[in-house]
Amino acid sequence: MALRDAMLEDPPHGMWLAAPFAPLDLADAAAWLRDQGLVDGTEVDEDPGPIRLHLTGSGIACAEGFDSDTRRYQEERMGRGSGPTVNIEHNSGPFQVAGDHAHQVQQVGASAEHLRDLITSIAELVHLAAPDADDLDTQQTAALAAAKDGAVDRPAIKRFATWVLAIVGKGASAALTPAVTAATNDMLHEAGRLAGHL
């Protein structure tokens, strides 16, 4: 419990989108890991997942071979990525060939809605760190306008990120700065992914 509480109080590990993880989040995560066969442990009726858990053989393989990246581990186990691969400049990945009248759907992980959620969360963090930042509404509005469905203005998103880091660097607490930095990096990464998929 002490290790769990210390992790929850550490912003890079205990927060997501500017909000701390709730105990139910941890219980749901433990249940998901159990359902994937990565952990096992003691369960009680009140919690959806194990309250005390340990890695299974699969969990150890995921931790050691995939640096605990469950998505990569599952993709490898399911054989995703096998078969034909197309290379376009520095990007590569599997592709599917279909005959006449075939229907294909491409699922893309990045979304403008998620990017806008990140921008809003970062603006809330800036408001917590520097409530007197008079330019916050203008900066947030410009960044949200840059994250339109079908078009992402990456330079505008970068300007917002630079402004955020400058404001937070002036007056944020030592505990809040890493959370803002991590959220800003996520926002820039998501903007890059989304722009690359358009």
N, C-alpha and C. Protein backbone atom coordinates (compact mmCIF):
# COMPACT_ATOMS: atom_id res chain seq x y z
N MET A 1 0.82 -1.20 0.00
CA MET A 1 0.00 0.00 0.00
C MET A 1 0.86 1.26 0.00
N ALA A 2 1.99 1.22 0.75
CA ALA A 2 2.86 2.39 0.79
C ALA A 2 3.46 2.66 -0.58
N LEU A 3 3.87 1.61 -1.28
CA LEU A 3 4.42 1.77 -2.63
C LEU A 3 3.36 2.32 -3.58
N ARG A 4 2.14 1.79 -3.47
CA ARG A 4 1.05 2.27 -4.32
C ARG A 4 0.77 3.74 -4.07
N ASP A 5 0.70 4.12 -2.78
CA ASP A 5 0.40 5.51 -2.45
C ASP A 5 1.52 6.44 -2.92
N ALA A 6 2.77 6.00 -2.79
CA ALA A 6 3.89 6.82 -3.27
C ALA A 6 3.82 7.01 -4.78
N MET A 7 3.44 5.95 -5.49
CA MET A 7 3.32 6.05 -6.95
C MET A 7 2.19 7.02 -7.33
N LEU A 8 1.07 6.96 -6.61
CA LEU A 8 -0.05 7.84 -6.92
C LEU A 8 0.28 9.30 -6.64
N GLU A 9 1.18 9.56 -5.68
CA GLU A 9 1.54 10.94 -5.36
C GLU A 9 2.62 11.49 -6.29
N ASP A 10 3.22 10.63 -7.12
CA ASP A 10 4.27 11.05 -8.04
C ASP A 10 3.60 11.46 -9.36
N PRO A 11 3.61 12.77 -9.73
CA PRO A 11 2.84 13.22 -10.91
C PRO A 11 3.06 12.43 -12.20
N PRO A 12 4.30 12.07 -12.57
CA PRO A 12 4.43 11.35 -13.85
C PRO A 12 3.73 9.99 -13.84
N HIS A 13 3.56 9.37 -12.66
CA HIS A 13 2.94 8.05 -12.59
C HIS A 13 1.51 8.10 -12.06
N GLY A 14 1.17 9.09 -11.28
CA GLY A 14 -0.11 9.11 -10.60
C GLY A 14 -1.15 10.00 -11.23
N MET A 15 -0.82 10.62 -12.39
CA MET A 15 -1.79 11.52 -13.01
C MET A 15 -1.93 11.19 -14.49
N TRP A 16 -3.13 11.47 -15.02
CA TRP A 16 -3.39 11.33 -16.45
C TRP A 16 -4.35 12.43 -16.84
N LEU A 17 -3.97 13.21 -17.85
CA LEU A 17 -4.77 14.34 -18.32
C LEU A 17 -5.10 15.28 -17.16
N ALA A 18 -4.10 15.56 -16.36
CA ALA A 18 -4.16 16.54 -15.27
C ALA A 18 -5.03 16.11 -14.10
N ALA A 19 -5.45 14.86 -14.07
CA ALA A 19 -6.27 14.38 -12.96
C ALA A 19 -5.59 13.17 -12.33
N PRO A 20 -5.60 13.09 -10.99
CA PRO A 20 -4.98 11.92 -10.35
C PRO A 20 -5.80 10.66 -10.59
N PHE A 21 -5.10 9.53 -10.65
CA PHE A 21 -5.79 8.26 -10.75
C PHE A 21 -6.58 8.02 -9.47
N ALA A 22 -7.78 7.52 -9.63
CA ALA A 22 -8.61 7.17 -8.48
C ALA A 22 -8.35 5.71 -8.12
N PRO A 23 -8.66 5.32 -6.87
CA PRO A 23 -8.50 3.90 -6.51
C PRO A 23 -9.25 2.96 -7.44
N LEU A 24 -10.42 3.39 -7.95
CA LEU A 24 -11.15 2.53 -8.88
C LEU A 24 -10.39 2.34 -10.19
N ASP A 25 -9.63 3.39 -10.61
CA ASP A 25 -8.80 3.24 -11.81
C ASP A 25 -7.79 2.12 -11.62
N LEU A 26 -7.16 2.09 -10.45
CA LEU A 26 -6.17 1.04 -10.17
C LEU A 26 -6.82 -0.33 -10.11
N ALA A 27 -8.00 -0.40 -9.50
CA ALA A 27 -8.71 -1.68 -9.42
C ALA A 27 -9.08 -2.17 -10.81
N ASP A 28 -9.55 -1.26 -11.66
CA ASP A 28 -9.89 -1.64 -13.04
C ASP A 28 -8.65 -2.09 -13.82
N ALA A 29 -7.54 -1.39 -13.60
CA ALA A 29 -6.29 -1.76 -14.28
C ALA A 29 -5.83 -3.15 -13.83
N ALA A 30 -5.93 -3.42 -12.53
CA ALA A 30 -5.55 -4.74 -12.01
C ALA A 30 -6.45 -5.82 -12.61
N ALA A 31 -7.75 -5.52 -12.73
CA ALA A 31 -8.68 -6.50 -13.32
C ALA A 31 -8.32 -6.75 -14.79
N TRP A 32 -7.98 -5.68 -15.52
CA TRP A 32 -7.61 -5.85 -16.93
C TRP A 32 -6.35 -6.69 -17.06
N LEU A 33 -5.35 -6.41 -16.23
CA LEU A 33 -4.11 -7.19 -16.28
C LEU A 33 -4.37 -8.66 -15.95
N ARG A 34 -5.25 -8.91 -14.96
CA ARG A 34 -5.62 -10.29 -14.63
C ARG A 34 -6.33 -10.96 -15.80
N ASP A 35 -7.26 -10.24 -16.43
CA ASP A 35 -8.00 -10.81 -17.55
C ASP A 35 -7.10 -11.12 -18.74
N GLN A 36 -6.01 -10.40 -18.87
CA GLN A 36 -5.05 -10.66 -19.95
C GLN A 36 -4.06 -11.76 -19.59
N GLY A 37 -4.14 -12.25 -18.35
CA GLY A 37 -3.24 -13.32 -17.91
C GLY A 37 -1.86 -12.83 -17.51
N LEU A 38 -1.72 -11.52 -17.27
CA LEU A 38 -0.41 -10.96 -16.95
C LEU A 38 -0.13 -10.94 -15.45
N VAL A 39 -1.18 -10.91 -14.63
CA VAL A 39 -1.02 -10.93 -13.18
C VAL A 39 -2.05 -11.88 -12.58
N ASP A 40 -1.79 -12.25 -11.35
CA ASP A 40 -2.75 -13.04 -10.57
C ASP A 40 -2.60 -12.58 -9.13
N GLY A 41 -3.55 -12.90 -8.28
CA GLY A 41 -3.43 -12.48 -6.90
C GLY A 41 -4.68 -12.64 -6.09
N THR A 42 -4.64 -12.09 -4.89
CA THR A 42 -5.73 -12.17 -3.94
C THR A 42 -6.85 -11.23 -4.33
N GLU A 43 -8.08 -11.74 -4.33
CA GLU A 43 -9.23 -10.92 -4.71
C GLU A 43 -10.22 -10.85 -3.56
N VAL A 44 -10.96 -9.74 -3.51
CA VAL A 44 -12.06 -9.59 -2.56
C VAL A 44 -13.28 -9.13 -3.33
N ASP A 45 -14.44 -9.32 -2.73
CA ASP A 45 -15.69 -9.01 -3.44
C ASP A 45 -15.83 -7.54 -3.81
N GLU A 46 -15.27 -6.65 -3.00
CA GLU A 46 -15.47 -5.22 -3.22
C GLU A 46 -14.70 -4.67 -4.42
N ASP A 47 -13.61 -5.33 -4.82
CA ASP A 47 -12.76 -4.82 -5.90
C ASP A 47 -12.92 -5.66 -7.16
N PRO A 48 -12.89 -5.02 -8.33
CA PRO A 48 -13.01 -5.79 -9.57
C PRO A 48 -11.75 -6.60 -9.89
N GLY A 49 -10.61 -6.19 -9.35
CA GLY A 49 -9.36 -6.88 -9.64
C GLY A 49 -8.65 -7.31 -8.38
N PRO A 50 -7.52 -7.99 -8.51
CA PRO A 50 -6.77 -8.43 -7.34
C PRO A 50 -6.29 -7.24 -6.51
N ILE A 51 -6.33 -7.37 -5.18
CA ILE A 51 -5.83 -6.29 -4.33
C ILE A 51 -4.34 -6.49 -4.02
N ARG A 52 -3.90 -7.72 -4.02
CA ARG A 52 -2.47 -8.04 -3.93
C ARG A 52 -2.18 -8.88 -5.15
N LEU A 53 -1.23 -8.45 -5.95
CA LEU A 53 -1.01 -9.19 -7.17
C LEU A 53 0.47 -9.46 -7.42
N HIS A 54 0.69 -10.44 -8.27
CA HIS A 54 2.04 -10.80 -8.68
C HIS A 54 2.01 -11.12 -10.18
N LEU A 55 3.16 -10.98 -10.81
CA LEU A 55 3.25 -11.27 -12.24
C LEU A 55 3.16 -12.77 -12.49
N THR A 56 2.45 -13.12 -13.53
CA THR A 56 2.43 -14.51 -14.01
C THR A 56 3.64 -14.68 -14.94
N GLY A 57 3.78 -15.87 -15.49
CA GLY A 57 4.85 -16.10 -16.47
C GLY A 57 4.73 -15.15 -17.65
N SER A 58 3.49 -14.95 -18.11
CA SER A 58 3.27 -14.02 -19.22
C SER A 58 3.61 -12.59 -18.81
N GLY A 59 3.27 -12.23 -17.57
CA GLY A 59 3.59 -10.89 -17.07
C GLY A 59 5.08 -10.65 -17.00
N ILE A 60 5.82 -11.67 -16.58
CA ILE A 60 7.28 -11.56 -16.52
C ILE A 60 7.85 -11.40 -17.93
N ALA A 61 7.31 -12.19 -18.89
CA ALA A 61 7.77 -12.06 -20.28
C ALA A 61 7.49 -10.67 -20.82
N CYS A 62 6.32 -10.10 -20.48
CA CYS A 62 5.97 -8.75 -20.92
C CYS A 62 6.91 -7.73 -20.30
N ALA A 63 7.17 -7.87 -19.02
CA ALA A 63 8.04 -6.91 -18.32
C ALA A 63 9.47 -6.98 -18.83
N GLU A 64 9.98 -8.20 -18.99
CA GLU A 64 11.39 -8.34 -19.38
C GLU A 64 11.63 -8.15 -20.87
N GLY A 65 10.74 -8.67 -21.69
CA GLY A 65 10.96 -8.61 -23.13
C GLY A 65 10.39 -7.39 -23.82
N PHE A 66 9.43 -6.71 -23.16
CA PHE A 66 8.75 -5.59 -23.81
C PHE A 66 8.72 -4.35 -22.93
N ASP A 67 9.56 -4.32 -21.91
CA ASP A 67 9.65 -3.17 -21.00
C ASP A 67 8.26 -2.80 -20.45
N SER A 68 7.46 -3.83 -20.15
CA SER A 68 6.11 -3.69 -19.59
C SER A 68 5.11 -3.01 -20.52
N ASP A 69 5.42 -2.94 -21.80
CA ASP A 69 4.49 -2.36 -22.77
C ASP A 69 3.49 -3.45 -23.17
N THR A 70 2.32 -3.43 -22.53
CA THR A 70 1.34 -4.51 -22.75
C THR A 70 0.81 -4.54 -24.18
N ARG A 71 0.69 -3.37 -24.80
CA ARG A 71 0.17 -3.34 -26.17
C ARG A 71 1.14 -4.05 -27.13
N ARG A 72 2.43 -3.73 -27.03
CA ARG A 72 3.41 -4.40 -27.90
C ARG A 72 3.45 -5.89 -27.63
N TYR A 73 3.37 -6.26 -26.36
CA TYR A 73 3.41 -7.68 -25.99
C TYR A 73 2.22 -8.41 -26.60
N GLN A 74 1.03 -7.83 -26.51
CA GLN A 74 -0.16 -8.47 -27.08
C GLN A 74 -0.09 -8.55 -28.60
N GLU A 75 0.39 -7.49 -29.23
CA GLU A 75 0.52 -7.51 -30.69
C GLU A 75 1.46 -8.62 -31.13
N GLU A 76 2.54 -8.79 -30.40
CA GLU A 76 3.50 -9.84 -30.74
C GLU A 76 2.87 -11.22 -30.55
N ARG A 77 2.14 -11.40 -29.47
CA ARG A 77 1.49 -12.69 -29.21
C ARG A 77 0.43 -13.01 -30.25
N MET A 78 -0.28 -11.99 -30.71
CA MET A 78 -1.35 -12.22 -31.68
C MET A 78 -0.83 -12.27 -33.11
N GLY A 79 0.47 -12.06 -33.27
CA GLY A 79 1.05 -12.14 -34.60
C GLY A 79 0.77 -10.95 -35.46
N ARG A 80 0.31 -9.84 -34.82
CA ARG A 80 0.02 -8.63 -35.60
C ARG A 80 1.30 -8.12 -36.24
N GLY A 81 1.20 -7.68 -37.42
CA GLY A 81 2.36 -7.16 -38.12
C GLY A 81 3.01 -8.20 -39.01
N SER A 82 2.55 -9.46 -38.92
CA SER A 82 3.11 -10.45 -39.82
C SER A 82 2.43 -10.32 -41.17
N GLY A 83 3.06 -10.83 -42.18
CA GLY A 83 2.49 -10.74 -43.51
C GLY A 83 3.10 -9.60 -44.29
N PRO A 84 2.47 -9.20 -45.39
CA PRO A 84 3.06 -8.17 -46.25
C PRO A 84 3.22 -6.84 -45.52
N THR A 85 4.29 -6.15 -45.83
CA THR A 85 4.55 -4.84 -45.24
C THR A 85 4.84 -3.86 -46.35
N VAL A 86 4.30 -2.66 -46.23
CA VAL A 86 4.57 -1.61 -47.20
C VAL A 86 5.46 -0.56 -46.53
N ASN A 87 6.44 -0.07 -47.26
CA ASN A 87 7.34 0.96 -46.76
C ASN A 87 7.16 2.23 -47.57
N ILE A 88 6.86 3.33 -46.88
CA ILE A 88 6.74 4.63 -47.53
C ILE A 88 7.68 5.57 -46.79
N GLU A 89 8.76 5.94 -47.42
CA GLU A 89 9.83 6.72 -46.80
C GLU A 89 10.27 6.02 -45.51
N HIS A 90 10.07 6.68 -44.35
CA HIS A 90 10.53 6.08 -43.09
C HIS A 90 9.41 5.36 -42.35
N ASN A 91 8.23 5.28 -42.94
CA ASN A 91 7.10 4.63 -42.30
C ASN A 91 6.89 3.26 -42.92
N SER A 92 6.55 2.30 -42.08
CA SER A 92 6.26 0.97 -42.60
C SER A 92 5.16 0.35 -41.77
N GLY A 93 4.50 -0.66 -42.33
CA GLY A 93 3.46 -1.35 -41.60
C GLY A 93 2.76 -2.36 -42.48
N PRO A 94 1.93 -3.21 -41.88
CA PRO A 94 1.22 -4.21 -42.66
C PRO A 94 0.15 -3.58 -43.54
N PHE A 95 -0.18 -4.22 -44.64
CA PHE A 95 -1.26 -3.74 -45.47
C PHE A 95 -2.11 -4.92 -45.90
N GLN A 96 -3.31 -4.62 -46.36
CA GLN A 96 -4.26 -5.65 -46.74
C GLN A 96 -4.63 -5.46 -48.19
N VAL A 97 -4.68 -6.55 -48.93
CA VAL A 97 -5.09 -6.50 -50.33
C VAL A 97 -6.44 -7.19 -50.41
N ALA A 98 -7.39 -6.56 -51.09
CA ALA A 98 -8.73 -7.14 -51.20
C ALA A 98 -9.19 -7.07 -52.65
N GLY A 99 -10.14 -7.92 -52.98
CA GLY A 99 -10.66 -7.98 -54.33
C GLY A 99 -11.75 -6.96 -54.58
N ASP A 100 -12.42 -7.10 -55.72
CA ASP A 100 -13.50 -6.19 -56.09
C ASP A 100 -14.60 -6.20 -55.03
N HIS A 101 -15.22 -5.06 -54.83
CA HIS A 101 -16.36 -4.89 -53.93
C HIS A 101 -16.03 -5.15 -52.47
N ALA A 102 -14.75 -5.13 -52.13
CA ALA A 102 -14.36 -5.34 -50.73
C ALA A 102 -14.56 -4.05 -49.96
N HIS A 103 -14.87 -4.18 -48.69
CA HIS A 103 -15.07 -3.03 -47.81
C HIS A 103 -13.96 -3.05 -46.76
N GLN A 104 -13.20 -1.99 -46.68
CA GLN A 104 -12.13 -1.91 -45.70
C GLN A 104 -12.32 -0.69 -44.84
N VAL A 105 -11.97 -0.82 -43.56
CA VAL A 105 -12.06 0.29 -42.62
C VAL A 105 -10.71 0.42 -41.95
N GLN A 106 -10.19 1.61 -41.92
CA GLN A 106 -8.92 1.86 -41.25
C GLN A 106 -9.20 2.54 -39.92
N GLN A 107 -8.67 1.98 -38.85
CA GLN A 107 -8.82 2.58 -37.54
C GLN A 107 -7.53 3.33 -37.22
N VAL A 108 -7.63 4.60 -36.92
CA VAL A 108 -6.48 5.44 -36.62
C VAL A 108 -6.55 5.85 -35.16
N GLY A 109 -5.44 5.65 -34.43
CA GLY A 109 -5.46 5.92 -33.00
C GLY A 109 -5.58 7.39 -32.65
N ALA A 110 -5.01 8.25 -33.45
CA ALA A 110 -5.02 9.67 -33.13
C ALA A 110 -6.37 10.28 -33.48
N SER A 111 -6.85 11.22 -32.67
CA SER A 111 -8.11 11.89 -32.98
C SER A 111 -8.01 13.35 -32.57
N ALA A 112 -8.66 14.21 -33.36
CA ALA A 112 -8.66 15.64 -33.04
C ALA A 112 -9.39 15.89 -31.73
N GLU A 113 -10.40 15.09 -31.44
CA GLU A 113 -11.13 15.26 -30.17
C GLU A 113 -10.21 15.00 -28.98
N HIS A 114 -9.40 13.96 -29.08
CA HIS A 114 -8.44 13.66 -28.00
C HIS A 114 -7.42 14.79 -27.87
N LEU A 115 -6.97 15.32 -28.99
CA LEU A 115 -6.02 16.43 -28.96
C LEU A 115 -6.65 17.65 -28.29
N ARG A 116 -7.92 17.94 -28.60
CA ARG A 116 -8.59 19.07 -27.95
C ARG A 116 -8.75 18.83 -26.44
N ASP A 117 -9.01 17.58 -26.05
CA ASP A 117 -9.09 17.25 -24.62
C ASP A 117 -7.75 17.53 -23.93
N LEU A 118 -6.66 17.16 -24.60
CA LEU A 118 -5.33 17.42 -24.03
C LEU A 118 -5.10 18.92 -23.87
N ILE A 119 -5.46 19.69 -24.88
CA ILE A 119 -5.27 21.14 -24.82
C ILE A 119 -6.05 21.73 -23.66
N THR A 120 -7.31 21.31 -23.50
CA THR A 120 -8.14 21.81 -22.41
C THR A 120 -7.55 21.44 -21.05
N SER A 121 -7.08 20.20 -20.93
CA SER A 121 -6.47 19.76 -19.66
C SER A 121 -5.21 20.55 -19.34
N ILE A 122 -4.41 20.82 -20.35
CA ILE A 122 -3.19 21.60 -20.14
C ILE A 122 -3.54 23.02 -19.72
N ALA A 123 -4.56 23.60 -20.35
CA ALA A 123 -4.99 24.95 -19.96
C ALA A 123 -5.44 24.98 -18.50
N GLU A 124 -6.11 23.91 -18.05
CA GLU A 124 -6.52 23.83 -16.65
C GLU A 124 -5.31 23.76 -15.73
N LEU A 125 -4.30 23.02 -16.16
CA LEU A 125 -3.06 22.95 -15.38
C LEU A 125 -2.38 24.32 -15.29
N VAL A 126 -2.36 25.03 -16.40
CA VAL A 126 -1.76 26.37 -16.41
C VAL A 126 -2.54 27.28 -15.46
N HIS A 127 -3.85 27.16 -15.47
CA HIS A 127 -4.67 27.98 -14.57
C HIS A 127 -4.34 27.67 -13.10
N LEU A 128 -4.09 26.40 -12.80
CA LEU A 128 -3.69 26.03 -11.43
C LEU A 128 -2.31 26.59 -11.10
N ALA A 129 -1.40 26.50 -12.05
CA ALA A 129 -0.02 26.93 -11.81
C ALA A 129 0.13 28.43 -11.79
N ALA A 130 -0.61 29.10 -12.67
CA ALA A 130 -0.48 30.56 -12.80
C ALA A 130 -1.85 31.17 -13.03
N PRO A 131 -2.66 31.30 -11.97
CA PRO A 131 -4.02 31.81 -12.15
C PRO A 131 -4.08 33.23 -12.71
N ASP A 132 -2.97 33.97 -12.64
CA ASP A 132 -2.94 35.35 -13.14
C ASP A 132 -2.52 35.44 -14.61
N ALA A 133 -2.33 34.30 -15.27
CA ALA A 133 -1.91 34.32 -16.68
C ALA A 133 -3.04 34.93 -17.51
N ASP A 134 -2.85 36.20 -17.90
CA ASP A 134 -3.92 36.93 -18.57
C ASP A 134 -4.17 36.49 -20.00
N ASP A 135 -3.24 35.79 -20.60
CA ASP A 135 -3.35 35.39 -22.00
C ASP A 135 -3.91 33.98 -22.16
N LEU A 136 -4.32 33.35 -21.06
CA LEU A 136 -4.71 31.94 -21.10
C LEU A 136 -5.86 31.67 -22.06
N ASP A 137 -6.93 32.43 -21.97
CA ASP A 137 -8.09 32.19 -22.83
C ASP A 137 -7.73 32.33 -24.31
N THR A 138 -6.95 33.35 -24.63
CA THR A 138 -6.54 33.56 -26.02
C THR A 138 -5.70 32.41 -26.54
N GLN A 139 -4.73 31.98 -25.71
CA GLN A 139 -3.84 30.89 -26.11
C GLN A 139 -4.61 29.58 -26.26
N GLN A 140 -5.51 29.31 -25.33
CA GLN A 140 -6.30 28.07 -25.40
C GLN A 140 -7.20 28.08 -26.63
N THR A 141 -7.86 29.20 -26.89
CA THR A 141 -8.75 29.30 -28.05
C THR A 141 -7.98 29.07 -29.35
N ALA A 142 -6.79 29.67 -29.45
CA ALA A 142 -5.98 29.50 -30.66
C ALA A 142 -5.54 28.04 -30.83
N ALA A 143 -5.17 27.40 -29.72
CA ALA A 143 -4.74 26.00 -29.81
C ALA A 143 -5.90 25.09 -30.18
N LEU A 144 -7.07 25.33 -29.60
CA LEU A 144 -8.24 24.52 -29.94
C LEU A 144 -8.62 24.70 -31.42
N ALA A 145 -8.50 25.93 -31.92
CA ALA A 145 -8.78 26.18 -33.34
C ALA A 145 -7.79 25.47 -34.24
N ALA A 146 -6.58 25.23 -33.72
CA ALA A 146 -5.54 24.55 -34.51
C ALA A 146 -5.73 23.04 -34.53
N ALA A 147 -6.65 22.54 -33.72
CA ALA A 147 -6.88 21.09 -33.62
C ALA A 147 -8.23 20.72 -34.21
N LYS A 148 -8.46 21.13 -35.43
CA LYS A 148 -9.73 20.85 -36.09
C LYS A 148 -9.74 19.43 -36.65
N ASP A 149 -10.95 18.87 -36.77
CA ASP A 149 -11.09 17.59 -37.45
C ASP A 149 -10.65 17.77 -38.90
N GLY A 150 -9.75 16.91 -39.35
CA GLY A 150 -9.31 16.96 -40.73
C GLY A 150 -8.16 17.90 -41.01
N ALA A 151 -7.76 18.73 -40.03
CA ALA A 151 -6.65 19.66 -40.25
C ALA A 151 -6.04 20.06 -38.91
N VAL A 152 -4.77 19.79 -38.74
CA VAL A 152 -4.08 20.17 -37.52
C VAL A 152 -2.97 21.15 -37.88
N ASP A 153 -2.99 22.31 -37.26
CA ASP A 153 -1.97 23.33 -37.47
C ASP A 153 -0.87 23.09 -36.44
N ARG A 154 0.12 22.27 -36.82
CA ARG A 154 1.17 21.90 -35.86
C ARG A 154 1.97 23.10 -35.35
N PRO A 155 2.33 24.09 -36.20
CA PRO A 155 3.04 25.25 -35.66
C PRO A 155 2.25 25.98 -34.57
N ALA A 156 0.93 26.07 -34.73
CA ALA A 156 0.11 26.73 -33.70
C ALA A 156 0.11 25.93 -32.41
N ILE A 157 0.05 24.60 -32.52
CA ILE A 157 0.10 23.74 -31.33
C ILE A 157 1.46 23.90 -30.64
N LYS A 158 2.52 23.99 -31.44
CA LYS A 158 3.86 24.18 -30.85
C LYS A 158 3.97 25.53 -30.15
N ARG A 159 3.36 26.56 -30.73
CA ARG A 159 3.37 27.88 -30.08
C ARG A 159 2.67 27.82 -28.73
N PHE A 160 1.55 27.10 -28.67
CA PHE A 160 0.82 26.93 -27.42
C PHE A 160 1.69 26.20 -26.40
N ALA A 161 2.38 25.14 -26.84
CA ALA A 161 3.24 24.38 -25.94
C ALA A 161 4.38 25.25 -25.40
N THR A 162 4.99 26.05 -26.26
CA THR A 162 6.07 26.94 -25.83
C THR A 162 5.56 27.95 -24.81
N TRP A 163 4.38 28.52 -25.07
CA TRP A 163 3.78 29.47 -24.14
C TRP A 163 3.50 28.81 -22.79
N VAL A 164 2.92 27.61 -22.83
CA VAL A 164 2.60 26.88 -21.59
C VAL A 164 3.85 26.65 -20.76
N LEU A 165 4.89 26.15 -21.39
CA LEU A 165 6.12 25.83 -20.65
C LEU A 165 6.78 27.09 -20.09
N ALA A 166 6.67 28.20 -20.82
CA ALA A 166 7.23 29.46 -20.33
C ALA A 166 6.46 29.95 -19.11
N ILE A 167 5.13 29.88 -19.16
CA ILE A 167 4.30 30.34 -18.04
C ILE A 167 4.54 29.45 -16.81
N VAL A 168 4.52 28.15 -17.02
CA VAL A 168 4.67 27.22 -15.90
C VAL A 168 6.08 27.31 -15.33
N GLY A 169 7.06 27.53 -16.20
CA GLY A 169 8.44 27.66 -15.72
C GLY A 169 8.66 28.85 -14.80
N LYS A 170 7.82 29.86 -14.95
CA LYS A 170 7.97 31.07 -14.12
C LYS A 170 7.42 30.90 -12.71
N GLY A 171 6.31 30.14 -12.57
CA GLY A 171 5.68 30.18 -11.27
C GLY A 171 5.10 28.90 -10.76
N ALA A 172 5.23 27.79 -11.45
CA ALA A 172 4.62 26.55 -10.99
C ALA A 172 5.42 25.91 -9.88
N SER A 173 4.73 25.13 -9.08
CA SER A 173 5.42 24.39 -8.02
C SER A 173 6.25 23.28 -8.64
N ALA A 174 7.23 22.83 -7.89
CA ALA A 174 8.10 21.76 -8.38
C ALA A 174 7.31 20.49 -8.67
N ALA A 175 6.22 20.26 -7.95
CA ALA A 175 5.42 19.06 -8.16
C ALA A 175 4.58 19.16 -9.42
N LEU A 176 4.15 20.37 -9.79
CA LEU A 176 3.26 20.53 -10.94
C LEU A 176 4.02 20.59 -12.27
N THR A 177 5.24 21.09 -12.25
CA THR A 177 6.01 21.25 -13.48
C THR A 177 6.17 19.95 -14.27
N PRO A 178 6.55 18.81 -13.63
CA PRO A 178 6.66 17.57 -14.43
C PRO A 178 5.34 17.13 -15.05
N ALA A 179 4.23 17.35 -14.35
CA ALA A 179 2.93 16.96 -14.89
C ALA A 179 2.60 17.78 -16.13
N VAL A 180 2.87 19.10 -16.06
CA VAL A 180 2.59 19.97 -17.21
C VAL A 180 3.51 19.60 -18.38
N THR A 181 4.77 19.35 -18.08
CA THR A 181 5.72 18.98 -19.13
C THR A 181 5.30 17.69 -19.81
N ALA A 182 4.92 16.69 -19.01
CA ALA A 182 4.49 15.41 -19.58
C ALA A 182 3.23 15.58 -20.42
N ALA A 183 2.27 16.35 -19.93
CA ALA A 183 1.03 16.56 -20.68
C ALA A 183 1.31 17.31 -21.98
N THR A 184 2.21 18.28 -21.93
CA THR A 184 2.56 19.04 -23.13
C THR A 184 3.24 18.16 -24.16
N ASN A 185 4.14 17.28 -23.69
CA ASN A 185 4.78 16.34 -24.61
C ASN A 185 3.76 15.41 -25.25
N ASP A 186 2.79 14.93 -24.45
CA ASP A 186 1.73 14.09 -25.00
C ASP A 186 0.94 14.84 -26.07
N MET A 187 0.65 16.11 -25.80
CA MET A 187 -0.11 16.92 -26.76
C MET A 187 0.66 17.05 -28.08
N LEU A 188 1.95 17.35 -28.00
CA LEU A 188 2.76 17.50 -29.21
C LEU A 188 2.85 16.19 -29.97
N HIS A 189 3.00 15.10 -29.23
CA HIS A 189 3.08 13.78 -29.86
C HIS A 189 1.75 13.45 -30.58
N GLU A 190 0.64 13.73 -29.90
CA GLU A 190 -0.67 13.46 -30.49
C GLU A 190 -0.90 14.33 -31.73
N ALA A 191 -0.47 15.60 -31.66
CA ALA A 191 -0.61 16.49 -32.83
C ALA A 191 0.20 15.96 -34.00
N GLY A 192 1.40 15.46 -33.72
CA GLY A 192 2.23 14.90 -34.78
C GLY A 192 1.61 13.65 -35.38
N ARG A 193 1.09 12.78 -34.52
CA ARG A 193 0.44 11.55 -35.01
C ARG A 193 -0.77 11.89 -35.87
N LEU A 194 -1.58 12.82 -35.38
CA LEU A 194 -2.79 13.17 -36.10
C LEU A 194 -2.46 13.82 -37.44
N ALA A 195 -1.49 14.74 -37.44
CA ALA A 195 -1.10 15.38 -38.69
C ALA A 195 -0.56 14.36 -39.68
N GLY A 196 0.12 13.34 -39.17
CA GLY A 196 0.67 12.31 -40.04
C GLY A 196 -0.38 11.40 -40.65
N HIS A 197 -1.58 11.32 -40.02
CA HIS A 197 -2.64 10.45 -40.52
C HIS A 197 -3.60 11.15 -41.47
N LEU A 198 -3.47 12.49 -41.59
CA LEU A 198 -4.43 13.22 -42.43
C LEU A 198 -4.05 13.15 -43.88
